[in-house]
Amino acid sequence: MNNVPETRRARGEVFRLEGGGFYLLVAEDVHDRDLTQHMFTTTLPSTVSLILLLGLAGGALMSLNMLSRLDAINRTSGEIIAGDLTRQVPVTNAADESDLLAKNLNLMLDRIERLMKGL
């Protein structure tokens, strides 16, 4: 068995008691608090940096995906404006708002094409 005492940090204050020359030491062990503070100051900056990096990368990927889908809609609408009423807006399997917009545009284009043929 090792009988070496453990050294820990503490914060306290000494009070002199009246009569008899006694002193009262009131202290608090701050070792665990210091370890926690050290952990936060060493790991928090790298953790926040990693979260920001992943958030920016995820946001960039989502933006690129959305912009590419909007670009496809814009290209198709440009071809339709140029006179090709047989064009359709591409629909993906994502089943999101962009697909709903593409499906609605395609339904509208089908109706316009039918009306034009009827004239």
PDB file of N, CA and C in Angstrom:
ATOM      1  N   MET A   1       0.826  -1.179   0.000  1.00  0.00           N
ATOM      2  CA  MET A   1       0.000   0.000   0.000  1.00  0.00           C
ATOM      3  C   MET A   1       0.871   1.244   0.000  1.00  0.00           C
ATOM      4  N   ASN A   2       0.466   2.202  -0.816  1.00  0.00           N
ATOM      5  CA  ASN A   2       1.220   3.431  -0.939  1.00  0.00           C
ATOM      6  C   ASN A   2       0.628   4.460   0.024  1.00  0.00           C
ATOM      7  N   ASN A   3       1.433   4.971   0.946  1.00  0.00           N
ATOM      8  CA  ASN A   3       0.959   5.925   1.953  1.00  0.00           C
ATOM      9  C   ASN A   3       1.317   7.356   1.615  1.00  0.00           C
ATOM     10  N   VAL A   4       1.569   7.638   0.332  1.00  0.00           N
ATOM     11  CA  VAL A   4       1.907   8.998  -0.067  1.00  0.00           C
ATOM     12  C   VAL A   4       0.611   9.796  -0.145  1.00  0.00           C
ATOM     13  N   PRO A   5       0.535  10.921   0.558  1.00  0.00           N
ATOM     14  CA  PRO A   5      -0.703  11.710   0.520  1.00  0.00           C
ATOM     15  C   PRO A   5      -0.894  12.362  -0.857  1.00  0.00           C
ATOM     16  N   GLU A   6      -2.149  12.498  -1.211  1.00  0.00           N
ATOM     17  CA  GLU A   6      -2.496  13.114  -2.489  1.00  0.00           C
ATOM     18  C   GLU A   6      -2.543  14.625  -2.317  1.00  0.00           C
ATOM     19  N   THR A   7      -1.951  15.335  -3.250  1.00  0.00           N
ATOM     20  CA  THR A   7      -1.951  16.791  -3.215  1.00  0.00           C
ATOM     21  C   THR A   7      -3.062  17.297  -4.121  1.00  0.00           C
ATOM     22  N   ARG A   8      -3.911  18.138  -3.556  1.00  0.00           N
ATOM     23  CA  ARG A   8      -5.033  18.700  -4.322  1.00  0.00           C
ATOM     24  C   ARG A   8      -5.101  20.194  -4.060  1.00  0.00           C
ATOM     25  N   ARG A   9      -5.640  20.929  -5.024  1.00  0.00           N
ATOM     26  CA  ARG A   9      -5.787  22.373  -4.870  1.00  0.00           C
ATOM     27  C   ARG A   9      -7.051  22.667  -4.061  1.00  0.00           C
ATOM     28  N   ALA A  10      -6.944  23.675  -3.231  1.00  0.00           N
ATOM     29  CA  ALA A  10      -8.085  24.093  -2.426  1.00  0.00           C
ATOM     30  C   ALA A  10      -8.083  25.614  -2.326  1.00  0.00           C
ATOM     31  N   ARG A  11      -9.257  26.147  -2.035  1.00  0.00           N
ATOM     32  CA  ARG A  11      -9.413  27.579  -1.826  1.00  0.00           C
ATOM     33  C   ARG A  11     -10.045  27.747  -0.461  1.00  0.00           C
ATOM     34  N   GLY A  12      -9.480  28.632   0.346  1.00  0.00           N
ATOM     35  CA  GLY A  12     -10.039  28.773   1.679  1.00  0.00           C
ATOM     36  C   GLY A  12      -9.632  30.065   2.361  1.00  0.00           C
ATOM     37  N   GLU A  13     -10.072  30.155   3.604  1.00  0.00           N
ATOM     38  CA  GLU A  13      -9.779  31.339   4.407  1.00  0.00           C
ATOM     39  C   GLU A  13      -9.590  30.889   5.860  1.00  0.00           C
ATOM     40  N   VAL A  14      -8.660  31.543   6.522  1.00  0.00           N
ATOM     41  CA  VAL A  14      -8.359  31.227   7.918  1.00  0.00           C
ATOM     42  C   VAL A  14      -8.991  32.304   8.803  1.00  0.00           C
ATOM     43  N   PHE A  15      -9.702  31.838   9.836  1.00  0.00           N
ATOM     44  CA  PHE A  15     -10.327  32.754  10.797  1.00  0.00           C
ATOM     45  C   PHE A  15      -9.704  32.521  12.164  1.00  0.00           C
ATOM     46  N   ARG A  16      -9.373  33.603  12.844  1.00  0.00           N
ATOM     47  CA  ARG A  16      -8.839  33.495  14.202  1.00  0.00           C
ATOM     48  C   ARG A  16     -10.006  33.516  15.172  1.00  0.00           C
ATOM     49  N   LEU A  17     -10.059  32.485  15.996  1.00  0.00           N
ATOM     50  CA  LEU A  17     -11.133  32.384  16.967  1.00  0.00           C
ATOM     51  C   LEU A  17     -10.753  33.122  18.242  1.00  0.00           C
ATOM     52  N   GLU A  18     -11.746  33.718  18.859  1.00  0.00           N
ATOM     53  CA  GLU A  18     -11.489  34.457  20.095  1.00  0.00           C
ATOM     54  C   GLU A  18     -11.245  33.484  21.234  1.00  0.00           C
ATOM     55  N   GLY A  19     -10.264  33.797  22.018  1.00  0.00           N
ATOM     56  CA  GLY A  19      -9.958  33.007  23.203  1.00  0.00           C
ATOM     57  C   GLY A  19      -9.230  31.712  22.869  1.00  0.00           C
ATOM     58  N   GLY A  20      -8.117  31.473  23.423  1.00  0.00           N
ATOM     59  CA  GLY A  20      -7.394  30.225  23.283  1.00  0.00           C
ATOM     60  C   GLY A  20      -6.445  30.179  22.101  1.00  0.00           C
ATOM     61  N   GLY A  21      -6.433  31.205  21.266  1.00  0.00           N
ATOM     62  CA  GLY A  21      -5.501  31.257  20.147  1.00  0.00           C
ATOM     63  C   GLY A  21      -5.739  30.195  19.087  1.00  0.00           C
ATOM     64  N   PHE A  22      -6.981  29.807  18.947  1.00  0.00           N
ATOM     65  CA  PHE A  22      -7.300  28.798  17.923  1.00  0.00           C
ATOM     66  C   PHE A  22      -7.624  29.470  16.585  1.00  0.00           C
ATOM     67  N   TYR A  23      -7.411  28.714  15.538  1.00  0.00           N
ATOM     68  CA  TYR A  23      -7.713  29.176  14.186  1.00  0.00           C
ATOM     69  C   TYR A  23      -8.675  28.184  13.538  1.00  0.00           C
ATOM     70  N   LEU A  24      -9.527  28.743  12.700  1.00  0.00           N
ATOM     71  CA  LEU A  24     -10.470  27.909  11.956  1.00  0.00           C
ATOM     72  C   LEU A  24     -10.168  28.070  10.464  1.00  0.00           C
ATOM     73  N   LEU A  25      -9.907  26.954   9.822  1.00  0.00           N
ATOM     74  CA  LEU A  25      -9.658  26.960   8.386  1.00  0.00           C
ATOM     75  C   LEU A  25     -10.911  26.449   7.687  1.00  0.00           C
ATOM     76  N   VAL A  26     -11.474  27.298   6.818  1.00  0.00           N
ATOM     77  CA  VAL A  26     -12.629  26.912   6.016  1.00  0.00           C
ATOM     78  C   VAL A  26     -12.131  26.875   4.574  1.00  0.00           C
ATOM     79  N   ALA A  27     -12.198  25.682   3.986  1.00  0.00           N
ATOM     80  CA  ALA A  27     -11.642  25.536   2.633  1.00  0.00           C
ATOM     81  C   ALA A  27     -12.556  24.675   1.771  1.00  0.00           C
ATOM     82  N   GLU A  28     -12.344  24.817   0.479  1.00  0.00           N
ATOM     83  CA  GLU A  28     -13.119  24.070  -0.496  1.00  0.00           C
ATOM     84  C   GLU A  28     -12.132  23.448  -1.490  1.00  0.00           C
ATOM     85  N   ASP A  29     -12.333  22.184  -1.779  1.00  0.00           N
ATOM     86  CA  ASP A  29     -11.508  21.487  -2.767  1.00  0.00           C
ATOM     87  C   ASP A  29     -11.909  21.982  -4.158  1.00  0.00           C
ATOM     88  N   VAL A  30     -10.980  22.583  -4.886  1.00  0.00           N
ATOM     89  CA  VAL A  30     -11.278  23.113  -6.217  1.00  0.00           C
ATOM     90  C   VAL A  30     -10.577  22.313  -7.311  1.00  0.00           C
ATOM     91  N   HIS A  31     -10.043  21.170  -6.961  1.00  0.00           N
ATOM     92  CA  HIS A  31      -9.307  20.340  -7.917  1.00  0.00           C
ATOM     93  C   HIS A  31     -10.203  19.920  -9.091  1.00  0.00           C
ATOM     94  N   ASP A  32     -11.386  19.409  -8.782  1.00  0.00           N
ATOM     95  CA  ASP A  32     -12.292  18.964  -9.853  1.00  0.00           C
ATOM     96  C   ASP A  32     -12.750  20.128 -10.725  1.00  0.00           C
ATOM     97  N   ARG A  33     -13.001  21.269 -10.100  1.00  0.00           N
ATOM     98  CA  ARG A  33     -13.394  22.458 -10.863  1.00  0.00           C
ATOM     99  C   ARG A  33     -12.270  22.889 -11.797  1.00  0.00           C
ATOM    100  N   ASP A  34     -11.037  22.853 -11.316  1.00  0.00           N
ATOM    101  CA  ASP A  34      -9.899  23.215 -12.154  1.00  0.00           C
ATOM    102  C   ASP A  34      -9.725  22.238 -13.316  1.00  0.00           C
ATOM    103  N   LEU A  35      -9.950  20.945 -13.059  1.00  0.00           N
ATOM    104  CA  LEU A  35      -9.863  19.964 -14.141  1.00  0.00           C
ATOM    105  C   LEU A  35     -10.933  20.216 -15.205  1.00  0.00           C
ATOM    106  N   THR A  36     -12.147  20.525 -14.751  1.00  0.00           N
ATOM    107  CA  THR A  36     -13.238  20.815 -15.682  1.00  0.00           C
ATOM    108  C   THR A  36     -12.932  22.068 -16.490  1.00  0.00           C
ATOM    109  N   GLN A  37     -12.435  23.099 -15.823  1.00  0.00           N
ATOM    110  CA  GLN A  37     -12.090  24.333 -16.519  1.00  0.00           C
ATOM    111  C   GLN A  37     -10.978  24.082 -17.534  1.00  0.00           C
ATOM    112  N   HIS A  38      -9.985  23.297 -17.169  1.00  0.00           N
ATOM    113  CA  HIS A  38      -8.900  22.958 -18.100  1.00  0.00           C
ATOM    114  C   HIS A  38      -9.443  22.184 -19.307  1.00  0.00           C
ATOM    115  N   MET A  39     -10.368  21.264 -19.047  1.00  0.00           N
ATOM    116  CA  MET A  39     -10.952  20.486 -20.128  1.00  0.00           C
ATOM    117  C   MET A  39     -11.695  21.410 -21.104  1.00  0.00           C
ATOM    118  N   PHE A  40     -12.460  22.355 -20.572  1.00  0.00           N
ATOM    119  CA  PHE A  40     -13.201  23.275 -21.431  1.00  0.00           C
ATOM    120  C   PHE A  40     -12.260  24.179 -22.225  1.00  0.00           C
ATOM    121  N   THR A  41     -11.229  24.681 -21.598  1.00  0.00           N
ATOM    122  CA  THR A  41     -10.334  25.601 -22.306  1.00  0.00           C
ATOM    123  C   THR A  41      -9.482  24.889 -23.337  1.00  0.00           C
ATOM    124  N   THR A  42      -9.259  23.590 -23.195  1.00  0.00           N
ATOM    125  CA  THR A  42      -8.446  22.874 -24.180  1.00  0.00           C
ATOM    126  C   THR A  42      -9.292  22.213 -25.262  1.00  0.00           C
ATOM    127  N   THR A  43     -10.467  21.708 -24.925  1.00  0.00           N
ATOM    128  CA  THR A  43     -11.256  20.987 -25.928  1.00  0.00           C
ATOM    129  C   THR A  43     -12.354  21.821 -26.562  1.00  0.00           C
ATOM    130  N   LEU A  44     -12.843  22.829 -25.886  1.00  0.00           N
ATOM    131  CA  LEU A  44     -13.940  23.621 -26.427  1.00  0.00           C
ATOM    132  C   LEU A  44     -13.582  24.329 -27.735  1.00  0.00           C
ATOM    133  N   PRO A  45     -12.433  24.982 -27.847  1.00  0.00           N
ATOM    134  CA  PRO A  45     -12.112  25.639 -29.129  1.00  0.00           C
ATOM    135  C   PRO A  45     -12.050  24.662 -30.304  1.00  0.00           C
ATOM    136  N   SER A  46     -11.449  23.496 -30.093  1.00  0.00           N
ATOM    137  CA  SER A  46     -11.367  22.537 -31.205  1.00  0.00           C
ATOM    138  C   SER A  46     -12.747  21.950 -31.512  1.00  0.00           C
ATOM    139  N   THR A  47     -13.567  21.739 -30.505  1.00  0.00           N
ATOM    140  CA  THR A  47     -14.912  21.216 -30.732  1.00  0.00           C
ATOM    141  C   THR A  47     -15.766  22.221 -31.494  1.00  0.00           C
ATOM    142  N   VAL A  48     -15.722  23.475 -31.096  1.00  0.00           N
ATOM    143  CA  VAL A  48     -16.487  24.514 -31.784  1.00  0.00           C
ATOM    144  C   VAL A  48     -15.983  24.663 -33.220  1.00  0.00           C
ATOM    145  N   SER A  49     -14.672  24.611 -33.412  1.00  0.00           N
ATOM    146  CA  SER A  49     -14.113  24.701 -34.766  1.00  0.00           C
ATOM    147  C   SER A  49     -14.600  23.552 -35.632  1.00  0.00           C
ATOM    148  N   LEU A  50     -14.620  22.345 -35.083  1.00  0.00           N
ATOM    149  CA  LEU A  50     -15.082  21.181 -35.840  1.00  0.00           C
ATOM    150  C   LEU A  50     -16.562  21.308 -36.185  1.00  0.00           C
ATOM    151  N   ILE A  51     -17.370  21.760 -35.239  1.00  0.00           N
ATOM    152  CA  ILE A  51     -18.800  21.941 -35.490  1.00  0.00           C
ATOM    153  C   ILE A  51     -19.014  22.990 -36.575  1.00  0.00           C
ATOM    154  N   LEU A  52     -18.280  24.101 -36.505  1.00  0.00           N
ATOM    155  CA  LEU A  52     -18.410  25.134 -37.529  1.00  0.00           C
ATOM    156  C   LEU A  52     -17.978  24.618 -38.900  1.00  0.00           C
ATOM    157  N   LEU A  53     -16.881  23.879 -38.943  1.00  0.00           N
ATOM    158  CA  LEU A  53     -16.393  23.332 -40.208  1.00  0.00           C
ATOM    159  C   LEU A  53     -17.410  22.372 -40.821  1.00  0.00           C
ATOM    160  N   LEU A  54     -17.943  21.469 -40.006  1.00  0.00           N
ATOM    161  CA  LEU A  54     -18.940  20.526 -40.507  1.00  0.00           C
ATOM    162  C   LEU A  54     -20.230  21.245 -40.927  1.00  0.00           C
ATOM    163  N   GLY A  55     -20.622  22.251 -40.163  1.00  0.00           N
ATOM    164  CA  GLY A  55     -21.814  23.021 -40.516  1.00  0.00           C
ATOM    165  C   GLY A  55     -21.636  23.773 -41.827  1.00  0.00           C
ATOM    166  N   LEU A  56     -20.469  24.378 -42.019  1.00  0.00           N
ATOM    167  CA  LEU A  56     -20.211  25.089 -43.267  1.00  0.00           C
ATOM    168  C   LEU A  56     -20.152  24.128 -44.448  1.00  0.00           C
ATOM    169  N   ALA A  57     -19.515  22.980 -44.259  1.00  0.00           N
ATOM    170  CA  ALA A  57     -19.436  21.987 -45.339  1.00  0.00           C
ATOM    171  C   ALA A  57     -20.829  21.464 -45.691  1.00  0.00           C
ATOM    172  N   GLY A  58     -21.631  21.155 -44.682  1.00  0.00           N
ATOM    173  CA  GLY A  58     -22.993  20.685 -44.926  1.00  0.00           C
ATOM    174  C   GLY A  58     -23.833  21.746 -45.613  1.00  0.00           C
ATOM    175  N   GLY A  59     -23.704  22.982 -45.176  1.00  0.00           N
ATOM    176  CA  GLY A  59     -24.444  24.073 -45.808  1.00  0.00           C
ATOM    177  C   GLY A  59     -24.029  24.283 -47.256  1.00  0.00           C
ATOM    178  N   ALA A  60     -22.721  24.166 -47.519  1.00  0.00           N
ATOM    179  CA  ALA A  60     -22.239  24.318 -48.896  1.00  0.00           C
ATOM    180  C   ALA A  60     -22.784  23.208 -49.789  1.00  0.00           C
ATOM    181  N   LEU A  61     -22.778  21.969 -49.276  1.00  0.00           N
ATOM    182  CA  LEU A  61     -23.312  20.859 -50.072  1.00  0.00           C
ATOM    183  C   LEU A  61     -24.797  21.035 -50.355  1.00  0.00           C
ATOM    184  N   MET A  62     -25.547  21.461 -49.344  1.00  0.00           N
ATOM    185  CA  MET A  62     -26.979  21.675 -49.542  1.00  0.00           C
ATOM    186  C   MET A  62     -27.222  22.807 -50.539  1.00  0.00           C
ATOM    187  N   SER A  63     -26.424  23.867 -50.452  1.00  0.00           N
ATOM    188  CA  SER A  63     -26.580  24.985 -51.382  1.00  0.00           C
ATOM    189  C   SER A  63     -26.264  24.558 -52.809  1.00  0.00           C
ATOM    190  N   LEU A  64     -25.178  23.792 -52.981  1.00  0.00           N
ATOM    191  CA  LEU A  64     -24.829  23.324 -54.320  1.00  0.00           C
ATOM    192  C   LEU A  64     -25.928  22.453 -54.908  1.00  0.00           C
ATOM    193  N   ASN A  65     -26.489  21.581 -54.087  1.00  0.00           N
ATOM    194  CA  ASN A  65     -27.569  20.719 -54.546  1.00  0.00           C
ATOM    195  C   ASN A  65     -28.781  21.548 -54.966  1.00  0.00           C
ATOM    196  N   MET A  66     -29.161  22.501 -54.136  1.00  0.00           N
ATOM    197  CA  MET A  66     -30.324  23.332 -54.437  1.00  0.00           C
ATOM    198  C   MET A  66     -30.065  24.183 -55.680  1.00  0.00           C
ATOM    199  N   LEU A  67     -28.860  24.754 -55.786  1.00  0.00           N
ATOM    200  CA  LEU A  67     -28.558  25.587 -56.952  1.00  0.00           C
ATOM    201  C   LEU A  67     -28.537  24.775 -58.240  1.00  0.00           C
ATOM    202  N   SER A  68     -28.060  23.548 -58.175  1.00  0.00           N
ATOM    203  CA  SER A  68     -28.042  22.725 -59.385  1.00  0.00           C
ATOM    204  C   SER A  68     -29.465  22.381 -59.827  1.00  0.00           C
ATOM    205  N   ARG A  69     -30.348  22.137 -58.868  1.00  0.00           N
ATOM    206  CA  ARG A  69     -31.733  21.838 -59.213  1.00  0.00           C
ATOM    207  C   ARG A  69     -32.435  23.069 -59.776  1.00  0.00           C
ATOM    208  N   LEU A  70     -32.172  24.237 -59.192  1.00  0.00           N
ATOM    209  CA  LEU A  70     -32.756  25.474 -59.720  1.00  0.00           C
ATOM    210  C   LEU A  70     -32.197  25.791 -61.107  1.00  0.00           C
ATOM    211  N   ASP A  71     -30.914  25.491 -61.313  1.00  0.00           N
ATOM    212  CA  ASP A  71     -30.321  25.716 -62.621  1.00  0.00           C
ATOM    213  C   ASP A  71     -30.990  24.834 -63.679  1.00  0.00           C
ATOM    214  N   ALA A  72     -31.303  23.592 -63.322  1.00  0.00           N
ATOM    215  CA  ALA A  72     -31.994  22.700 -64.266  1.00  0.00           C
ATOM    216  C   ALA A  72     -33.373  23.251 -64.611  1.00  0.00           C
ATOM    217  N   ILE A  73     -34.083  23.783 -63.622  1.00  0.00           N
ATOM    218  CA  ILE A  73     -35.405  24.374 -63.870  1.00  0.00           C
ATOM    219  C   ILE A  73     -35.257  25.610 -64.761  1.00  0.00           C
ATOM    220  N   ASN A  74     -34.245  26.435 -64.491  1.00  0.00           N
ATOM    221  CA  ASN A  74     -34.034  27.636 -65.306  1.00  0.00           C
ATOM    222  C   ASN A  74     -33.673  27.288 -66.746  1.00  0.00           C
ATOM    223  N   ARG A  75     -32.815  26.302 -66.945  1.00  0.00           N
ATOM    224  CA  ARG A  75     -32.454  25.886 -68.306  1.00  0.00           C
ATOM    225  C   ARG A  75     -33.682  25.390 -69.071  1.00  0.00           C
ATOM    226  N   THR A  76     -34.463  24.557 -68.392  1.00  0.00           N
ATOM    227  CA  THR A  76     -35.664  24.015 -69.039  1.00  0.00           C
ATOM    228  C   THR A  76     -36.647  25.123 -69.367  1.00  0.00           C
ATOM    229  N   SER A  77     -36.853  26.057 -68.444  1.00  0.00           N
ATOM    230  CA  SER A  77     -37.790  27.154 -68.712  1.00  0.00           C
ATOM    231  C   SER A  77     -37.278  28.028 -69.846  1.00  0.00           C
ATOM    232  N   GLY A  78     -35.965  28.194 -69.964  1.00  0.00           N
ATOM    233  CA  GLY A  78     -35.400  28.946 -71.079  1.00  0.00           C
ATOM    234  C   GLY A  78     -35.677  28.270 -72.411  1.00  0.00           C
ATOM    235  N   GLU A  79     -35.579  26.938 -72.441  1.00  0.00           N
ATOM    236  CA  GLU A  79     -35.872  26.196 -73.671  1.00  0.00           C
ATOM    237  C   GLU A  79     -37.361  26.288 -74.022  1.00  0.00           C
ATOM    238  N   ILE A  80     -38.204  26.297 -72.994  1.00  0.00           N
ATOM    239  CA  ILE A  80     -39.652  26.422 -73.229  1.00  0.00           C
ATOM    240  C   ILE A  80     -39.969  27.812 -73.771  1.00  0.00           C
ATOM    241  N   ILE A  81     -39.344  28.834 -73.200  1.00  0.00           N
ATOM    242  CA  ILE A  81     -39.554  30.205 -73.672  1.00  0.00           C
ATOM    243  C   ILE A  81     -39.107  30.334 -75.126  1.00  0.00           C
ATOM    244  N   ALA A  82     -38.050  29.596 -75.479  1.00  0.00           N
ATOM    245  CA  ALA A  82     -37.545  29.644 -76.850  1.00  0.00           C
ATOM    246  C   ALA A  82     -38.479  28.935 -77.831  1.00  0.00           C
ATOM    247  N   GLY A  83     -39.487  28.232 -77.319  1.00  0.00           N
ATOM    248  CA  GLY A  83     -40.474  27.641 -78.213  1.00  0.00           C
ATOM    249  C   GLY A  83     -40.614  26.133 -78.130  1.00  0.00           C
ATOM    250  N   ASP A  84     -39.779  25.454 -77.359  1.00  0.00           N
ATOM    251  CA  ASP A  84     -39.865  23.987 -77.251  1.00  0.00           C
ATOM    252  C   ASP A  84     -40.827  23.624 -76.122  1.00  0.00           C
ATOM    253  N   LEU A  85     -42.106  23.497 -76.453  1.00  0.00           N
ATOM    254  CA  LEU A  85     -43.120  23.209 -75.430  1.00  0.00           C
ATOM    255  C   LEU A  85     -43.142  21.734 -75.022  1.00  0.00           C
ATOM    256  N   THR A  86     -42.311  20.902 -75.651  1.00  0.00           N
ATOM    257  CA  THR A  86     -42.264  19.484 -75.270  1.00  0.00           C
ATOM    258  C   THR A  86     -41.301  19.236 -74.118  1.00  0.00           C
ATOM    259  N   ARG A  87     -40.539  20.238 -73.751  1.00  0.00           N
ATOM    260  CA  ARG A  87     -39.568  20.068 -72.658  1.00  0.00           C
ATOM    261  C   ARG A  87     -40.285  19.872 -71.327  1.00  0.00           C
ATOM    262  N   GLN A  88     -39.659  19.106 -70.450  1.00  0.00           N
ATOM    263  CA  GLN A  88     -40.181  18.871 -69.098  1.00  0.00           C
ATOM    264  C   GLN A  88     -39.088  19.201 -68.084  1.00  0.00           C
ATOM    265  N   VAL A  89     -39.495  19.696 -66.942  1.00  0.00           N
ATOM    266  CA  VAL A  89     -38.568  19.985 -65.855  1.00  0.00           C
ATOM    267  C   VAL A  89     -38.167  18.657 -65.225  1.00  0.00           C
ATOM    268  N   PRO A  90     -36.844  18.419 -65.045  1.00  0.00           N
ATOM    269  CA  PRO A  90     -36.418  17.145 -64.465  1.00  0.00           C
ATOM    270  C   PRO A  90     -36.911  16.970 -63.023  1.00  0.00           C
ATOM    271  N   VAL A  91     -37.380  15.758 -62.728  1.00  0.00           N
ATOM    272  CA  VAL A  91     -37.856  15.411 -61.382  1.00  0.00           C
ATOM    273  C   VAL A  91     -36.916  14.354 -60.825  1.00  0.00           C
ATOM    274  N   THR A  92     -36.446  14.576 -59.600  1.00  0.00           N
ATOM    275  CA  THR A  92     -35.581  13.596 -58.933  1.00  0.00           C
ATOM    276  C   THR A  92     -36.436  12.711 -58.030  1.00  0.00           C
ATOM    277  N   ASN A  93     -35.804  11.830 -57.314  1.00  0.00           N
ATOM    278  CA  ASN A  93     -36.521  10.960 -56.374  1.00  0.00           C
ATOM    279  C   ASN A  93     -36.448  11.486 -54.941  1.00  0.00           C
ATOM    280  N   ALA A  94     -36.109  12.757 -54.796  1.00  0.00           N
ATOM    281  CA  ALA A  94     -35.958  13.319 -53.452  1.00  0.00           C
ATOM    282  C   ALA A  94     -37.301  13.546 -52.761  1.00  0.00           C
ATOM    283  N   ALA A  95     -38.361  13.710 -53.529  1.00  0.00           N
ATOM    284  CA  ALA A  95     -39.705  13.944 -52.990  1.00  0.00           C
ATOM    285  C   ALA A  95     -39.737  15.141 -52.030  1.00  0.00           C
ATOM    286  N   ASP A  96     -39.075  16.215 -52.450  1.00  0.00           N
ATOM    287  CA  ASP A  96     -39.071  17.421 -51.624  1.00  0.00           C
ATOM    288  C   ASP A  96     -39.789  18.554 -52.359  1.00  0.00           C
ATOM    289  N   GLU A  97     -39.642  19.780 -51.874  1.00  0.00           N
ATOM    290  CA  GLU A  97     -40.339  20.918 -52.449  1.00  0.00           C
ATOM    291  C   GLU A  97     -39.923  21.169 -53.894  1.00  0.00           C
ATOM    292  N   SER A  98     -38.654  20.925 -54.212  1.00  0.00           N
ATOM    293  CA  SER A  98     -38.198  21.126 -55.590  1.00  0.00           C
ATOM    294  C   SER A  98     -38.874  20.143 -56.533  1.00  0.00           C
ATOM    295  N   ASP A  99     -39.037  18.904 -56.081  1.00  0.00           N
ATOM    296  CA  ASP A  99     -39.749  17.920 -56.906  1.00  0.00           C
ATOM    297  C   ASP A  99     -41.219  18.288 -57.069  1.00  0.00           C
ATOM    298  N   LEU A 100     -41.828  18.784 -56.007  1.00  0.00           N
ATOM    299  CA  LEU A 100     -43.222  19.216 -56.090  1.00  0.00           C
ATOM    300  C   LEU A 100     -43.363  20.368 -57.090  1.00  0.00           C
ATOM    301  N   LEU A 101     -42.425  21.314 -57.035  1.00  0.00           N
ATOM    302  CA  LEU A 101     -42.433  22.424 -57.987  1.00  0.00           C
ATOM    303  C   LEU A 101     -42.248  21.899 -59.409  1.00  0.00           C
ATOM    304  N   ALA A 102     -41.310  20.977 -59.609  1.00  0.00           N
ATOM    305  CA  ALA A 102     -41.066  20.423 -60.948  1.00  0.00           C
ATOM    306  C   ALA A 102     -42.297  19.689 -61.466  1.00  0.00           C
ATOM    307  N   LYS A 103     -42.945  18.914 -60.609  1.00  0.00           N
ATOM    308  CA  LYS A 103     -44.154  18.187 -61.037  1.00  0.00           C
ATOM    309  C   LYS A 103     -45.270  19.152 -61.419  1.00  0.00           C
ATOM    310  N   ASN A 104     -45.456  20.198 -60.617  1.00  0.00           N
ATOM    311  CA  ASN A 104     -46.489  21.189 -60.926  1.00  0.00           C
ATOM    312  C   ASN A 104     -46.181  21.934 -62.222  1.00  0.00           C
ATOM    313  N   LEU A 105     -44.919  22.282 -62.422  1.00  0.00           N
ATOM    314  CA  LEU A 105     -44.536  22.942 -63.669  1.00  0.00           C
ATOM    315  C   LEU A 105     -44.772  22.022 -64.863  1.00  0.00           C
ATOM    316  N   ASN A 106     -44.446  20.748 -64.707  1.00  0.00           N
ATOM    317  CA  ASN A 106     -44.665  19.792 -65.792  1.00  0.00           C
ATOM    318  C   ASN A 106     -46.148  19.635 -66.104  1.00  0.00           C
ATOM    319  N   LEU A 107     -46.993  19.604 -65.065  1.00  0.00           N
ATOM    320  CA  LEU A 107     -48.440  19.537 -65.292  1.00  0.00           C
ATOM    321  C   LEU A 107     -48.929  20.785 -66.027  1.00  0.00           C
ATOM    322  N   MET A 108     -48.415  21.936 -65.637  1.00  0.00           N
ATOM    323  CA  MET A 108     -48.776  23.181 -66.292  1.00  0.00           C
ATOM    324  C   MET A 108     -48.319  23.164 -67.756  1.00  0.00           C
ATOM    325  N   LEU A 109     -47.117  22.681 -67.993  1.00  0.00           N
ATOM    326  CA  LEU A 109     -46.605  22.615 -69.362  1.00  0.00           C
ATOM    327  C   LEU A 109     -47.421  21.653 -70.218  1.00  0.00           C
ATOM    328  N   ASP A 110     -47.807  20.519 -69.644  1.00  0.00           N
ATOM    329  CA  ASP A 110     -48.654  19.570 -70.376  1.00  0.00           C
ATOM    330  C   ASP A 110     -49.974  20.232 -70.776  1.00  0.00           C
ATOM    331  N   ARG A 111     -50.537  20.980 -69.851  1.00  0.00           N
ATOM    332  CA  ARG A 111     -51.822  21.640 -70.140  1.00  0.00           C
ATOM    333  C   ARG A 111     -51.661  22.713 -71.212  1.00  0.00           C
ATOM    334  N   ILE A 112     -50.591  23.494 -71.119  1.00  0.00           N
ATOM    335  CA  ILE A 112     -50.334  24.523 -72.130  1.00  0.00           C
ATOM    336  C   ILE A 112     -50.135  23.872 -73.495  1.00  0.00           C
ATOM    337  N   GLU A 113     -49.381  22.757 -73.524  1.00  0.00           N
ATOM    338  CA  GLU A 113     -49.145  22.066 -74.796  1.00  0.00           C
ATOM    339  C   GLU A 113     -50.465  21.560 -75.387  1.00  0.00           C
ATOM    340  N   ARG A 114     -51.320  20.988 -74.559  1.00  0.00           N
ATOM    341  CA  ARG A 114     -52.623  20.519 -75.039  1.00  0.00           C
ATOM    342  C   ARG A 114     -53.474  21.683 -75.561  1.00  0.00           C
ATOM    343  N   LEU A 115     -53.453  22.791 -74.862  1.00  0.00           N
ATOM    344  CA  LEU A 115     -54.219  23.969 -75.291  1.00  0.00           C
ATOM    345  C   LEU A 115     -53.682  24.515 -76.609  1.00  0.00           C
ATOM    346  N   MET A 116     -52.369  24.522 -76.751  1.00  0.00           N
ATOM    347  CA  MET A 116     -51.775  25.011 -77.995  1.00  0.00           C
ATOM    348  C   MET A 116     -52.114  24.114 -79.177  1.00  0.00           C
ATOM    349  N   LYS A 117     -52.124  22.793 -78.927  1.00  0.00           N
ATOM    350  CA  LYS A 117     -52.488  21.850 -79.990  1.00  0.00           C
ATOM    351  C   LYS A 117     -53.972  21.996 -80.358  1.00  0.00           C
ATOM    352  N   GLY A 118     -54.783  22.342 -79.383  1.00  0.00           N
ATOM    353  CA  GLY A 118     -56.198  22.513 -79.610  1.00  0.00           C
ATOM    354  C   GLY A 118     -56.500  23.746 -80.463  1.00  0.00           C
ATOM    355  N   LEU A 119     -55.597  24.739 -80.389  1.00  0.00           N
ATOM    356  CA  LEU A 119     -55.789  25.952 -81.188  1.00  0.00           C
ATOM    357  C   LEU A 119     -55.442  25.660 -82.630  1.00  0.00           C
TER     358      LEU A 119
END
